[in-house]
Amino acid sequence: MTEGQLQEEFARCLGLLLVWAYQQRGYGIRGGEWWRPQVTADYYASTGAGIKGSVHEEKLAVDLTLTLDGVVQPDTPAYSALGTYWKSLHPSARWGGDFVHRPDGNHFSFEFQGRM
């Protein structure tokens, strides 16, 4: 599968995730960062807000903000149902809540060249 085809699969799965989230009682989603230009990725890495080589640079990750009954959910556990559903959509789907060293519950990505 080419990188472009994987990007299209990512977008398809993201659409399914958003529809699924809105079908759940009380869930809302606020947009987030889907594509991260190199200059932004470098800045985030230098401040500890991100990592070098993020798949955001490949358009294969998105950070979403979850609300429940209109209240922003900042903690990773609130995203666990979304993470479970996301991972069921594609063999490359990864959820940031599974990251061991720094859980990132609002991060939904596809693994690409060993990066998530």
C-alpha atoms as a PDB file:
ATOM      1  CA  MET A   1       0.000   0.000   0.000  1.00  0.00           C
ATOM      2  CA  THR A   2       1.390   3.415  -0.922  1.00  0.00           C
ATOM      3  CA  GLU A   3       1.597   6.276   1.560  1.00  0.00           C
ATOM      4  CA  GLY A   4      -1.222   8.038  -0.315  1.00  0.00           C
ATOM      5  CA  GLN A   5      -3.448   4.970  -0.134  1.00  0.00           C
ATOM      6  CA  LEU A   6      -2.735   4.674   3.588  1.00  0.00           C
ATOM      7  CA  GLN A   7      -3.656   8.363   4.029  1.00  0.00           C
ATOM      8  CA  GLU A   8      -6.960   7.665   2.285  1.00  0.00           C
ATOM      9  CA  GLU A   9      -7.615   4.683   4.554  1.00  0.00           C
ATOM     10  CA  PHE A  10      -6.813   6.860   7.561  1.00  0.00           C
ATOM     11  CA  ALA A  11      -9.335   9.485   6.429  1.00  0.00           C
ATOM     12  CA  ARG A  12     -11.982   6.797   5.850  1.00  0.00           C
ATOM     13  CA  CYS A  13     -11.446   5.358   9.332  1.00  0.00           C
ATOM     14  CA  LEU A  14     -11.458   8.818  10.898  1.00  0.00           C
ATOM     15  CA  GLY A  15     -14.870   9.419   9.351  1.00  0.00           C
ATOM     16  CA  LEU A  16     -16.132   6.162  10.832  1.00  0.00           C
ATOM     17  CA  LEU A  17     -14.720   7.115  14.252  1.00  0.00           C
ATOM     18  CA  LEU A  18     -16.438  10.504  14.191  1.00  0.00           C
ATOM     19  CA  VAL A  19     -19.793   9.013  13.203  1.00  0.00           C
ATOM     20  CA  TRP A  20     -19.448   6.324  15.879  1.00  0.00           C
ATOM     21  CA  ALA A  21     -18.583   8.920  18.543  1.00  0.00           C
ATOM     22  CA  TYR A  22     -21.675  10.955  17.744  1.00  0.00           C
ATOM     23  CA  GLN A  23     -23.826   7.831  17.939  1.00  0.00           C
ATOM     24  CA  GLN A  24     -22.749   7.368  21.559  1.00  0.00           C
ATOM     25  CA  ARG A  25     -24.864   9.112  24.150  1.00  0.00           C
ATOM     26  CA  GLY A  26     -23.450  12.478  25.155  1.00  0.00           C
ATOM     27  CA  TYR A  27     -20.195  12.289  23.146  1.00  0.00           C
ATOM     28  CA  GLY A  28     -19.011  15.253  21.112  1.00  0.00           C
ATOM     29  CA  ILE A  29     -15.780  15.804  19.212  1.00  0.00           C
ATOM     30  CA  ARG A  30     -13.921  19.031  18.686  1.00  0.00           C
ATOM     31  CA  GLY A  31     -11.396  19.237  15.880  1.00  0.00           C
ATOM     32  CA  GLY A  32      -7.704  18.862  16.343  1.00  0.00           C
ATOM     33  CA  GLU A  33      -4.426  18.665  14.567  1.00  0.00           C
ATOM     34  CA  TRP A  34      -4.377  16.309  11.581  1.00  0.00           C
ATOM     35  CA  TRP A  35      -1.361  17.506   9.580  1.00  0.00           C
ATOM     36  CA  ARG A  36       1.735  18.895  11.234  1.00  0.00           C
ATOM     37  CA  PRO A  37       4.260  20.753   9.035  1.00  0.00           C
ATOM     38  CA  GLN A  38       7.941  20.065   9.689  1.00  0.00           C
ATOM     39  CA  VAL A  39       8.565  23.444  11.347  1.00  0.00           C
ATOM     40  CA  THR A  40       5.729  22.782  13.812  1.00  0.00           C
ATOM     41  CA  ALA A  41       6.906  19.220  14.462  1.00  0.00           C
ATOM     42  CA  ASP A  42      10.424  20.498  15.190  1.00  0.00           C
ATOM     43  CA  TYR A  43       9.067  23.137  17.569  1.00  0.00           C
ATOM     44  CA  TYR A  44       6.849  20.648  19.412  1.00  0.00           C
ATOM     45  CA  ALA A  45       9.768  18.232  19.753  1.00  0.00           C
ATOM     46  CA  SER A  46      12.007  20.991  21.151  1.00  0.00           C
ATOM     47  CA  THR A  47       9.415  21.884  23.811  1.00  0.00           C
ATOM     48  CA  GLY A  48       8.455  18.314  24.700  1.00  0.00           C
ATOM     49  CA  ALA A  49       4.930  18.788  23.342  1.00  0.00           C
ATOM     50  CA  GLY A  50       5.583  16.290  20.548  1.00  0.00           C
ATOM     51  CA  ILE A  51       8.193  13.994  19.081  1.00  0.00           C
ATOM     52  CA  LYS A  52      10.487  14.078  16.082  1.00  0.00           C
ATOM     53  CA  GLY A  53       9.166  11.935  13.261  1.00  0.00           C
ATOM     54  CA  SER A  54       5.526  12.125  14.317  1.00  0.00           C
ATOM     55  CA  VAL A  55       3.110  10.513  11.863  1.00  0.00           C
ATOM     56  CA  HIS A  56       1.189  13.801  11.979  1.00  0.00           C
ATOM     57  CA  GLU A  57       3.822  14.889   9.434  1.00  0.00           C
ATOM     58  CA  GLU A  58       2.572  12.116   7.117  1.00  0.00           C
ATOM     59  CA  LYS A  59      -1.127  13.028   7.624  1.00  0.00           C
ATOM     60  CA  LEU A  60      -1.579   9.732   9.468  1.00  0.00           C
ATOM     61  CA  ALA A  61      -2.530  11.043  12.906  1.00  0.00           C
ATOM     62  CA  VAL A  62      -5.085  13.350  14.438  1.00  0.00           C
ATOM     63  CA  ASP A  63      -5.548  14.780  17.918  1.00  0.00           C
ATOM     64  CA  LEU A  64      -9.198  15.138  18.873  1.00  0.00           C
ATOM     65  CA  THR A  65     -10.878  16.750  21.858  1.00  0.00           C
ATOM     66  CA  LEU A  66     -13.654  14.665  23.384  1.00  0.00           C
ATOM     67  CA  THR A  67     -16.586  16.207  25.205  1.00  0.00           C
ATOM     68  CA  LEU A  68     -19.114  14.370  27.303  1.00  0.00           C
ATOM     69  CA  ASP A  69     -22.396  16.210  27.788  1.00  0.00           C
ATOM     70  CA  GLY A  70     -20.581  19.375  26.650  1.00  0.00           C
ATOM     71  CA  VAL A  71     -17.688  19.088  29.124  1.00  0.00           C
ATOM     72  CA  VAL A  72     -14.157  18.685  27.728  1.00  0.00           C
ATOM     73  CA  GLN A  73     -12.562  15.416  28.821  1.00  0.00           C
ATOM     74  CA  PRO A  74      -8.826  16.057  29.308  1.00  0.00           C
ATOM     75  CA  ASP A  75      -7.837  12.670  30.730  1.00  0.00           C
ATOM     76  CA  THR A  76      -6.810   9.605  28.709  1.00  0.00           C
ATOM     77  CA  PRO A  77      -9.281   7.154  30.359  1.00  0.00           C
ATOM     78  CA  ALA A  78     -12.230   9.140  28.972  1.00  0.00           C
ATOM     79  CA  TYR A  79     -11.057   8.248  25.455  1.00  0.00           C
ATOM     80  CA  SER A  80     -10.728   4.521  26.011  1.00  0.00           C
ATOM     81  CA  ALA A  81     -13.985   3.518  24.249  1.00  0.00           C
ATOM     82  CA  LEU A  82     -12.960   5.621  21.230  1.00  0.00           C
ATOM     83  CA  GLY A  83      -9.492   4.055  21.326  1.00  0.00           C
ATOM     84  CA  THR A  84     -10.924   0.546  21.378  1.00  0.00           C
ATOM     85  CA  TYR A  85     -13.251   1.302  18.472  1.00  0.00           C
ATOM     86  CA  TRP A  86     -10.461   3.040  16.508  1.00  0.00           C
ATOM     87  CA  LYS A  87      -8.156   0.036  16.810  1.00  0.00           C
ATOM     88  CA  SER A  88     -10.927  -2.221  15.472  1.00  0.00           C
ATOM     89  CA  LEU A  89     -11.150  -0.268  12.213  1.00  0.00           C
ATOM     90  CA  HIS A  90      -7.814  -1.118  10.592  1.00  0.00           C
ATOM     91  CA  PRO A  91      -4.737  -3.257  11.323  1.00  0.00           C
ATOM     92  CA  SER A  92      -2.526  -0.128  11.276  1.00  0.00           C
ATOM     93  CA  ALA A  93      -4.729   1.850  13.704  1.00  0.00           C
ATOM     94  CA  ARG A  94      -3.017   2.881  16.937  1.00  0.00           C
ATOM     95  CA  TRP A  95      -4.350   4.808  19.935  1.00  0.00           C
ATOM     96  CA  GLY A  96      -2.193   7.135  22.009  1.00  0.00           C
ATOM     97  CA  GLY A  97      -3.777   5.890  25.234  1.00  0.00           C
ATOM     98  CA  ASP A  98      -1.712   2.723  24.765  1.00  0.00           C
ATOM     99  CA  PHE A  99       1.594   4.625  24.710  1.00  0.00           C
ATOM    100  CA  VAL A 100       3.566   3.317  27.676  1.00  0.00           C
ATOM    101  CA  HIS A 101       5.881   6.233  28.456  1.00  0.00           C
ATOM    102  CA  ARG A 102       3.452   9.065  27.844  1.00  0.00           C
ATOM    103  CA  PRO A 103      -0.197   8.119  27.303  1.00  0.00           C
ATOM    104  CA  ASP A 104      -1.893  10.505  24.869  1.00  0.00           C
ATOM    105  CA  GLY A 105      -5.582   9.604  24.874  1.00  0.00           C
ATOM    106  CA  ASN A 106      -6.633  12.145  22.271  1.00  0.00           C
ATOM    107  CA  HIS A 107      -4.145  10.803  19.674  1.00  0.00           C
ATOM    108  CA  PHE A 108      -5.443   8.508  16.918  1.00  0.00           C
ATOM    109  CA  SER A 109      -2.978   7.338  14.291  1.00  0.00           C
ATOM    110  CA  PHE A 110      -1.873   4.731  11.788  1.00  0.00           C
ATOM    111  CA  GLU A 111       1.477   3.062  12.247  1.00  0.00           C
ATOM    112  CA  PHE A 112       3.844   3.997   9.411  1.00  0.00           C
ATOM    113  CA  GLN A 113       7.416   2.816   9.011  1.00  0.00           C
ATOM    114  CA  GLY A 114       7.482   1.729  12.665  1.00  0.00           C
ATOM    115  CA  ARG A 115       6.196   5.089  13.943  1.00  0.00           C
ATOM    116  CA  MET A 116       2.836   5.767  15.595  1.00  0.00           C
END
